Amino acid sequence: MNPSQDLELIQKIINVINQIRPYLEADGGNIQFVNVTDEYVVNVELQGACSHCAMSTMTLKNGVEEAMRKAIPQIKSVEAINMN
């Protein structure tokens, strides 16, 4: 990818995250974009209540990843990483 493609992809990813964020905030959580790999894996940090919720994996895979892949088909997966 060239730099302009990188920026365009990152902006699309952030747009999807911004659409999902209100649902997470309603439950006391949040999500932060970290990076996207060359293999099209989006790394995010789950914050607040989402960082330690037993359902966070389901939320990540069935909610965030599904929305991300629907909006941006080249995305392979969304993974949560711990920034602490």
Protein backbone atom coordinates (compact mmCIF):
# COMPACT_ATOMS: atom_id res chain seq x y z
CA MET A 1 0.00 0.00 0.00
CA ASN A 2 1.17 3.49 -0.67
CA PRO A 3 0.86 6.19 2.02
CA SER A 4 -2.34 7.71 0.60
CA GLN A 5 -3.97 4.26 0.55
CA ASP A 6 -2.84 3.76 4.16
CA LEU A 7 -4.44 7.04 5.22
CA GLU A 8 -7.65 6.27 3.35
CA LEU A 9 -7.89 2.82 4.94
CA ILE A 10 -7.17 4.19 8.41
CA GLN A 11 -9.85 6.85 7.99
CA LYS A 12 -12.38 4.17 6.97
CA ILE A 13 -11.44 2.10 10.01
CA ILE A 14 -11.81 5.10 12.33
CA ASN A 15 -15.20 5.89 10.77
CA VAL A 16 -16.44 2.37 11.54
CA ILE A 17 -15.11 2.58 15.10
CA ASN A 18 -16.84 5.94 15.57
CA GLN A 19 -20.13 4.36 14.49
CA ILE A 20 -19.71 1.53 17.01
CA ARG A 21 -18.37 3.63 19.90
CA PRO A 22 -21.78 4.93 21.18
CA TYR A 23 -22.97 1.37 21.78
CA LEU A 24 -19.88 0.56 23.82
CA GLU A 25 -20.07 3.85 25.72
CA ALA A 26 -23.68 3.07 26.66
CA ASP A 27 -22.32 0.07 28.60
CA GLY A 28 -19.44 2.01 30.17
CA GLY A 29 -16.80 0.96 27.65
CA ASN A 30 -14.88 2.37 24.74
CA ILE A 31 -12.66 1.34 21.86
CA GLN A 32 -9.50 2.92 20.49
CA PHE A 33 -7.86 2.25 17.11
CA VAL A 34 -4.21 1.22 17.52
CA ASN A 35 -3.02 0.17 14.06
CA VAL A 36 -3.63 -1.96 11.02
CA THR A 37 -1.08 -4.55 9.92
CA ASP A 38 0.14 -5.29 6.41
CA GLU A 39 -2.04 -8.43 6.64
CA TYR A 40 -5.14 -6.23 7.17
CA VAL A 41 -5.59 -7.11 10.83
CA VAL A 42 -6.98 -4.17 12.79
CA ASN A 43 -5.64 -3.87 16.33
CA VAL A 44 -7.79 -2.02 18.84
CA GLU A 45 -7.69 -1.40 22.56
CA LEU A 46 -10.86 -2.06 24.52
CA GLN A 47 -11.22 0.45 27.33
CA GLY A 48 -13.38 1.05 30.36
CA ALA A 49 -15.88 -1.68 31.14
CA CYS A 50 -15.01 -3.41 27.86
CA SER A 51 -11.42 -4.00 28.96
CA HIS A 52 -12.41 -6.59 31.55
CA CYS A 53 -15.86 -7.72 30.46
CA ALA A 54 -16.38 -11.44 29.99
CA MET A 55 -18.40 -10.69 26.85
CA SER A 56 -15.71 -8.51 25.24
CA THR A 57 -14.51 -11.24 22.89
CA MET A 58 -18.04 -11.76 21.62
CA THR A 59 -18.52 -8.01 21.24
CA LEU A 60 -15.23 -7.74 19.39
CA LYS A 61 -15.82 -10.62 16.98
CA ASN A 62 -19.59 -10.49 16.49
CA GLY A 63 -19.94 -6.72 16.63
CA VAL A 64 -16.81 -4.78 15.82
CA GLU A 65 -15.18 -7.26 13.44
CA GLU A 66 -18.42 -7.98 11.60
CA ALA A 67 -19.13 -4.26 11.09
CA MET A 68 -15.53 -3.63 10.05
CA ARG A 69 -15.44 -6.45 7.50
CA LYS A 70 -18.81 -5.44 6.08
CA ALA A 71 -17.67 -1.83 5.56
CA ILE A 72 -14.10 -2.68 4.53
CA PRO A 73 -13.98 -6.13 2.87
CA GLN A 74 -10.17 -6.36 2.77
CA ILE A 75 -10.01 -6.41 6.59
CA LYS A 76 -9.23 -9.96 7.74
CA SER A 77 -9.88 -9.61 11.47
CA VAL A 78 -10.05 -7.26 14.42
CA GLU A 79 -7.94 -8.09 17.46
CA ALA A 80 -7.87 -6.54 20.92
CA ILE A 81 -4.47 -5.70 22.35
CA ASN A 82 -3.61 -4.50 25.82
CA MET A 83 -1.74 -1.18 25.80
CA ASN A 84 -0.91 -1.26 29.55
